[in-house]
Amino acid sequence: MTTTPDGRPVPPPHADERAMLESWLDFHRATLALKCAGLNDDQARLDTVSPSRMTLLGLVQHMAEVERKWFQRVLTGQDVPRVFEDSGPDGFTLVRDRGIDEALEAWRAEIARGRELSADASLDDAGVLSEQDAAYLGDRGVSLRWIMVHMIEEYARHNGHADLIRERIDGVTGS
């Protein structure tokens, strides 16, 4: 596998659809981890892009919630609690005793569980959305293909946020 100079996996230029989707998702997951690398808890808690209160710690918590929602609740219909019950409905709220290492560990566990649950599924296999989510989409069913594209989009958007936050923390930039 080819990697970028900073160690992220480079998606292959030619691959089947499943491999392409999985590799881009892995690239974006690695990008979020990279944006958090080398930070202490105080730095990970900084909201540096005013007026937003978004932090890198909050982003990691949020993405753990997103991973659980789409792979466990939607794709496989599991009735599982939120990853961080004390971090608001979207996972962004920080709590005093949770640091970046704990959040990253939980996030990585959610990624591993999502990979496990989707490994044998077809891209055409469908999960069931909540009524609230279905109202936006106009359908209660959503394919694994749709979930994976959505996850890539979700990570790409938040990685842009993470890049700005990290640059304001210590000047570190990059794609």
C-alpha atoms as a PDB file:
ATOM      1  CA  MET A   1       0.000   0.000   0.000  1.00  0.00           C
ATOM      2  CA  THR A   2       1.241   3.449  -0.913  1.00  0.00           C
ATOM      3  CA  THR A   3       1.161   6.122   1.778  1.00  0.00           C
ATOM      4  CA  THR A   4       1.507   9.864   1.846  1.00  0.00           C
ATOM      5  CA  PRO A   5       4.682  11.270   3.445  1.00  0.00           C
ATOM      6  CA  ASP A   6       2.703  11.687   6.686  1.00  0.00           C
ATOM      7  CA  GLY A   7       1.663   8.005   6.655  1.00  0.00           C
ATOM      8  CA  ARG A   8      -1.924   8.114   5.426  1.00  0.00           C
ATOM      9  CA  PRO A   9      -3.010   5.389   2.979  1.00  0.00           C
ATOM     10  CA  VAL A  10      -3.303   6.645  -0.592  1.00  0.00           C
ATOM     11  CA  PRO A  11      -6.494   5.461  -2.298  1.00  0.00           C
ATOM     12  CA  PRO A  12      -5.669   3.440  -5.409  1.00  0.00           C
ATOM     13  CA  PRO A  13      -6.159   5.195  -8.753  1.00  0.00           C
ATOM     14  CA  HIS A  14      -7.810   2.059 -10.156  1.00  0.00           C
ATOM     15  CA  ALA A  15      -9.952  -0.274  -8.068  1.00  0.00           C
ATOM     16  CA  ASP A  16     -13.408  -1.755  -7.933  1.00  0.00           C
ATOM     17  CA  GLU A  17     -16.147   0.309  -6.348  1.00  0.00           C
ATOM     18  CA  ARG A  18     -15.967  -1.324  -2.912  1.00  0.00           C
ATOM     19  CA  ALA A  19     -12.187  -0.981  -2.648  1.00  0.00           C
ATOM     20  CA  MET A  20     -12.386   2.637  -3.824  1.00  0.00           C
ATOM     21  CA  LEU A  21     -15.033   3.566  -1.249  1.00  0.00           C
ATOM     22  CA  GLU A  22     -13.256   1.780   1.583  1.00  0.00           C
ATOM     23  CA  SER A  23      -9.885   3.301   0.720  1.00  0.00           C
ATOM     24  CA  TRP A  24     -11.223   6.867   0.557  1.00  0.00           C
ATOM     25  CA  LEU A  25     -13.015   6.361   3.864  1.00  0.00           C
ATOM     26  CA  ASP A  26      -9.797   5.034   5.409  1.00  0.00           C
ATOM     27  CA  PHE A  27      -7.865   8.004   4.006  1.00  0.00           C
ATOM     28  CA  HIS A  28     -10.251  10.464   5.623  1.00  0.00           C
ATOM     29  CA  ARG A  29     -10.258   8.578   8.918  1.00  0.00           C
ATOM     30  CA  ALA A  30      -6.457   8.712   8.913  1.00  0.00           C
ATOM     31  CA  THR A  31      -6.601  12.427   8.154  1.00  0.00           C
ATOM     32  CA  LEU A  32      -8.661  13.114  11.276  1.00  0.00           C
ATOM     33  CA  ALA A  33      -6.219  11.078  13.363  1.00  0.00           C
ATOM     34  CA  LEU A  34      -3.334  13.039  11.852  1.00  0.00           C
ATOM     35  CA  LYS A  35      -4.965  16.360  12.753  1.00  0.00           C
ATOM     36  CA  CYS A  36      -5.060  15.208  16.406  1.00  0.00           C
ATOM     37  CA  ALA A  37      -1.558  13.704  16.510  1.00  0.00           C
ATOM     38  CA  GLY A  38       0.824  15.123  19.074  1.00  0.00           C
ATOM     39  CA  LEU A  39      -1.723  17.315  20.846  1.00  0.00           C
ATOM     40  CA  ASN A  40      -2.252  17.327  24.579  1.00  0.00           C
ATOM     41  CA  ASP A  41      -5.710  17.467  26.156  1.00  0.00           C
ATOM     42  CA  ASP A  42      -5.641  21.242  26.579  1.00  0.00           C
ATOM     43  CA  GLN A  43      -4.789  21.774  22.912  1.00  0.00           C
ATOM     44  CA  ALA A  44      -7.464  19.295  21.761  1.00  0.00           C
ATOM     45  CA  ARG A  45     -10.021  21.306  23.749  1.00  0.00           C
ATOM     46  CA  LEU A  46      -9.199  24.659  22.125  1.00  0.00           C
ATOM     47  CA  ASP A  47     -11.915  26.272  20.021  1.00  0.00           C
ATOM     48  CA  THR A  48      -9.757  28.456  17.851  1.00  0.00           C
ATOM     49  CA  VAL A  49     -11.919  29.410  14.883  1.00  0.00           C
ATOM     50  CA  SER A  50     -14.262  32.048  16.285  1.00  0.00           C
ATOM     51  CA  PRO A  51     -17.212  32.222  16.540  1.00  0.00           C
ATOM     52  CA  SER A  52     -17.365  28.429  16.363  1.00  0.00           C
ATOM     53  CA  ARG A  53     -16.950  26.442  19.590  1.00  0.00           C
ATOM     54  CA  MET A  54     -15.792  23.371  17.632  1.00  0.00           C
ATOM     55  CA  THR A  55     -12.703  21.565  18.950  1.00  0.00           C
ATOM     56  CA  LEU A  56     -10.628  18.634  17.747  1.00  0.00           C
ATOM     57  CA  LEU A  57     -11.726  16.637  20.797  1.00  0.00           C
ATOM     58  CA  GLY A  58     -15.348  17.412  19.972  1.00  0.00           C
ATOM     59  CA  LEU A  59     -14.811  16.393  16.342  1.00  0.00           C
ATOM     60  CA  VAL A  60     -13.389  13.010  17.380  1.00  0.00           C
ATOM     61  CA  GLN A  61     -16.309  12.434  19.744  1.00  0.00           C
ATOM     62  CA  HIS A  62     -18.751  13.458  17.011  1.00  0.00           C
ATOM     63  CA  MET A  63     -17.206  11.110  14.462  1.00  0.00           C
ATOM     64  CA  ALA A  64     -17.368   8.224  16.944  1.00  0.00           C
ATOM     65  CA  GLU A  65     -21.099   8.916  17.209  1.00  0.00           C
ATOM     66  CA  VAL A  66     -21.424   9.138  13.418  1.00  0.00           C
ATOM     67  CA  GLU A  67     -19.594   5.823  12.927  1.00  0.00           C
ATOM     68  CA  ARG A  68     -21.900   4.110  15.438  1.00  0.00           C
ATOM     69  CA  LYS A  69     -25.044   5.615  13.975  1.00  0.00           C
ATOM     70  CA  TRP A  70     -24.457   4.645  10.363  1.00  0.00           C
ATOM     71  CA  PHE A  71     -22.893   1.200  10.742  1.00  0.00           C
ATOM     72  CA  GLN A  72     -24.556  -0.107  13.881  1.00  0.00           C
ATOM     73  CA  ARG A  73     -27.922   1.617  14.119  1.00  0.00           C
ATOM     74  CA  VAL A  74     -28.758   2.191  10.446  1.00  0.00           C
ATOM     75  CA  LEU A  75     -26.973  -0.579   8.528  1.00  0.00           C
ATOM     76  CA  THR A  76     -27.506  -3.418  10.998  1.00  0.00           C
ATOM     77  CA  GLY A  77     -30.470  -2.132  13.007  1.00  0.00           C
ATOM     78  CA  GLN A  78     -28.814  -2.470  16.382  1.00  0.00           C
ATOM     79  CA  ASP A  79     -30.306  -0.683  19.368  1.00  0.00           C
ATOM     80  CA  VAL A  80     -27.113   0.680  20.893  1.00  0.00           C
ATOM     81  CA  PRO A  81     -26.648   3.696  23.168  1.00  0.00           C
ATOM     82  CA  ARG A  82     -24.661   6.725  22.179  1.00  0.00           C
ATOM     83  CA  VAL A  83     -20.895   6.392  22.536  1.00  0.00           C
ATOM     84  CA  PHE A  84     -20.656   9.463  24.778  1.00  0.00           C
ATOM     85  CA  GLU A  85     -23.986   9.869  26.571  1.00  0.00           C
ATOM     86  CA  ASP A  86     -22.692  13.018  28.279  1.00  0.00           C
ATOM     87  CA  SER A  87     -21.576  14.872  25.135  1.00  0.00           C
ATOM     88  CA  GLY A  88     -24.814  16.238  23.772  1.00  0.00           C
ATOM     89  CA  PRO A  89     -26.918  14.903  20.927  1.00  0.00           C
ATOM     90  CA  ASP A  90     -24.145  15.239  18.337  1.00  0.00           C
ATOM     91  CA  GLY A  91     -21.098  14.365  20.476  1.00  0.00           C
ATOM     92  CA  PHE A  92     -19.478  17.799  20.344  1.00  0.00           C
ATOM     93  CA  THR A  93     -19.942  18.720  24.022  1.00  0.00           C
ATOM     94  CA  LEU A  94     -16.775  18.337  26.079  1.00  0.00           C
ATOM     95  CA  VAL A  95     -16.698  16.885  29.579  1.00  0.00           C
ATOM     96  CA  ARG A  96     -14.018  17.596  32.133  1.00  0.00           C
ATOM     97  CA  ASP A  97     -12.656  14.076  32.595  1.00  0.00           C
ATOM     98  CA  ARG A  98     -12.439  12.914  28.965  1.00  0.00           C
ATOM     99  CA  GLY A  99      -9.257  13.647  27.074  1.00  0.00           C
ATOM    100  CA  ILE A 100      -8.183  13.160  23.493  1.00  0.00           C
ATOM    101  CA  ASP A 101      -6.633   9.709  24.065  1.00  0.00           C
ATOM    102  CA  GLU A 102      -9.876   8.297  25.484  1.00  0.00           C
ATOM    103  CA  ALA A 103     -11.922   9.830  22.683  1.00  0.00           C
ATOM    104  CA  LEU A 104      -9.548   8.522  20.001  1.00  0.00           C
ATOM    105  CA  GLU A 105      -9.678   5.037  21.533  1.00  0.00           C
ATOM    106  CA  ALA A 106     -13.493   5.038  21.475  1.00  0.00           C
ATOM    107  CA  TRP A 107     -13.525   6.420  17.924  1.00  0.00           C
ATOM    108  CA  ARG A 108     -11.122   3.711  16.726  1.00  0.00           C
ATOM    109  CA  ALA A 109     -13.282   1.048  18.381  1.00  0.00           C
ATOM    110  CA  GLU A 110     -16.313   2.373  16.480  1.00  0.00           C
ATOM    111  CA  ILE A 111     -14.363   2.252  13.214  1.00  0.00           C
ATOM    112  CA  ALA A 112     -13.330  -1.350  13.894  1.00  0.00           C
ATOM    113  CA  ARG A 113     -16.918  -2.328  14.716  1.00  0.00           C
ATOM    114  CA  GLY A 114     -18.209  -0.635  11.558  1.00  0.00           C
ATOM    115  CA  ARG A 115     -15.658  -2.469   9.426  1.00  0.00           C
ATOM    116  CA  GLU A 116     -16.643  -5.747  11.034  1.00  0.00           C
ATOM    117  CA  LEU A 117     -20.358  -5.198  10.478  1.00  0.00           C
ATOM    118  CA  SER A 118     -19.994  -4.086   6.864  1.00  0.00           C
ATOM    119  CA  ALA A 119     -17.315  -6.573   5.775  1.00  0.00           C
ATOM    120  CA  ASP A 120     -19.704  -9.195   4.439  1.00  0.00           C
ATOM    121  CA  ALA A 121     -22.434  -6.806   3.337  1.00  0.00           C
ATOM    122  CA  SER A 122     -23.085  -5.972  -0.285  1.00  0.00           C
ATOM    123  CA  LEU A 123     -22.979  -2.321  -1.308  1.00  0.00           C
ATOM    124  CA  ASP A 124     -26.643  -2.812  -2.213  1.00  0.00           C
ATOM    125  CA  ASP A 125     -27.616  -4.103   1.248  1.00  0.00           C
ATOM    126  CA  ALA A 126     -29.894  -1.596   2.915  1.00  0.00           C
ATOM    127  CA  GLY A 127     -30.287  -0.343   6.426  1.00  0.00           C
ATOM    128  CA  VAL A 128     -33.255   1.461   7.894  1.00  0.00           C
ATOM    129  CA  LEU A 129     -33.255   5.139   8.773  1.00  0.00           C
ATOM    130  CA  SER A 130     -35.061   6.700  11.690  1.00  0.00           C
ATOM    131  CA  GLU A 131     -38.250   8.525  10.759  1.00  0.00           C
ATOM    132  CA  GLN A 132     -36.467  11.837  11.352  1.00  0.00           C
ATOM    133  CA  ASP A 133     -33.597  10.969   9.001  1.00  0.00           C
ATOM    134  CA  ALA A 134     -35.974   9.457   6.461  1.00  0.00           C
ATOM    135  CA  ALA A 135     -37.851  12.763   6.304  1.00  0.00           C
ATOM    136  CA  TYR A 136     -34.710  14.413   4.898  1.00  0.00           C
ATOM    137  CA  LEU A 137     -33.948  11.635   2.436  1.00  0.00           C
ATOM    138  CA  GLY A 138     -37.503  10.762   1.467  1.00  0.00           C
ATOM    139  CA  ASP A 139     -36.986   7.038   2.023  1.00  0.00           C
ATOM    140  CA  ARG A 140     -36.534   4.789   5.064  1.00  0.00           C
ATOM    141  CA  GLY A 141     -34.016   2.531   3.299  1.00  0.00           C
ATOM    142  CA  VAL A 142     -30.438   3.448   2.539  1.00  0.00           C
ATOM    143  CA  SER A 143     -27.768   1.267   0.915  1.00  0.00           C
ATOM    144  CA  LEU A 144     -24.309   0.553   2.292  1.00  0.00           C
ATOM    145  CA  ARG A 145     -23.018   2.350  -0.824  1.00  0.00           C
ATOM    146  CA  TRP A 146     -24.939   5.483   0.230  1.00  0.00           C
ATOM    147  CA  ILE A 147     -23.680   5.153   3.807  1.00  0.00           C
ATOM    148  CA  MET A 148     -20.067   4.903   2.670  1.00  0.00           C
ATOM    149  CA  VAL A 149     -20.342   7.908   0.341  1.00  0.00           C
ATOM    150  CA  HIS A 150     -22.012   9.856   3.151  1.00  0.00           C
ATOM    151  CA  MET A 151     -19.242   8.884   5.584  1.00  0.00           C
ATOM    152  CA  ILE A 152     -16.576  10.063   3.113  1.00  0.00           C
ATOM    153  CA  GLU A 153     -18.443  13.342   2.751  1.00  0.00           C
ATOM    154  CA  GLU A 154     -18.860  13.708   6.520  1.00  0.00           C
ATOM    155  CA  TYR A 155     -15.166  13.131   7.176  1.00  0.00           C
ATOM    156  CA  ALA A 156     -14.043  15.376   4.308  1.00  0.00           C
ATOM    157  CA  ARG A 157     -16.156  18.264   5.604  1.00  0.00           C
ATOM    158  CA  HIS A 158     -15.001  17.867   9.192  1.00  0.00           C
ATOM    159  CA  ASN A 159     -11.381  17.353   8.164  1.00  0.00           C
ATOM    160  CA  GLY A 160     -11.539  20.830   6.656  1.00  0.00           C
ATOM    161  CA  HIS A 161     -12.684  22.096  10.041  1.00  0.00           C
ATOM    162  CA  ALA A 162      -9.939  20.084  11.749  1.00  0.00           C
ATOM    163  CA  ASP A 163      -7.303  21.564   9.463  1.00  0.00           C
ATOM    164  CA  LEU A 164      -8.323  25.112  10.373  1.00  0.00           C
ATOM    165  CA  ILE A 165      -8.492  24.317  14.089  1.00  0.00           C
ATOM    166  CA  ARG A 166      -5.087  22.620  14.075  1.00  0.00           C
ATOM    167  CA  GLU A 167      -3.470  25.461  12.174  1.00  0.00           C
ATOM    168  CA  ARG A 168      -4.745  27.928  14.757  1.00  0.00           C
ATOM    169  CA  ILE A 169      -3.494  25.733  17.642  1.00  0.00           C
ATOM    170  CA  ASP A 170       0.121  25.326  16.560  1.00  0.00           C
ATOM    171  CA  GLY A 171       0.548  26.308  12.925  1.00  0.00           C
ATOM    172  CA  VAL A 172       0.520  22.741  11.600  1.00  0.00           C
ATOM    173  CA  THR A 173      -1.087  22.598   8.169  1.00  0.00           C
ATOM    174  CA  GLY A 174      -1.531  20.019   5.472  1.00  0.00           C
ATOM    175  CA  SER A 175      -4.085  18.164   3.444  1.00  0.00           C
END
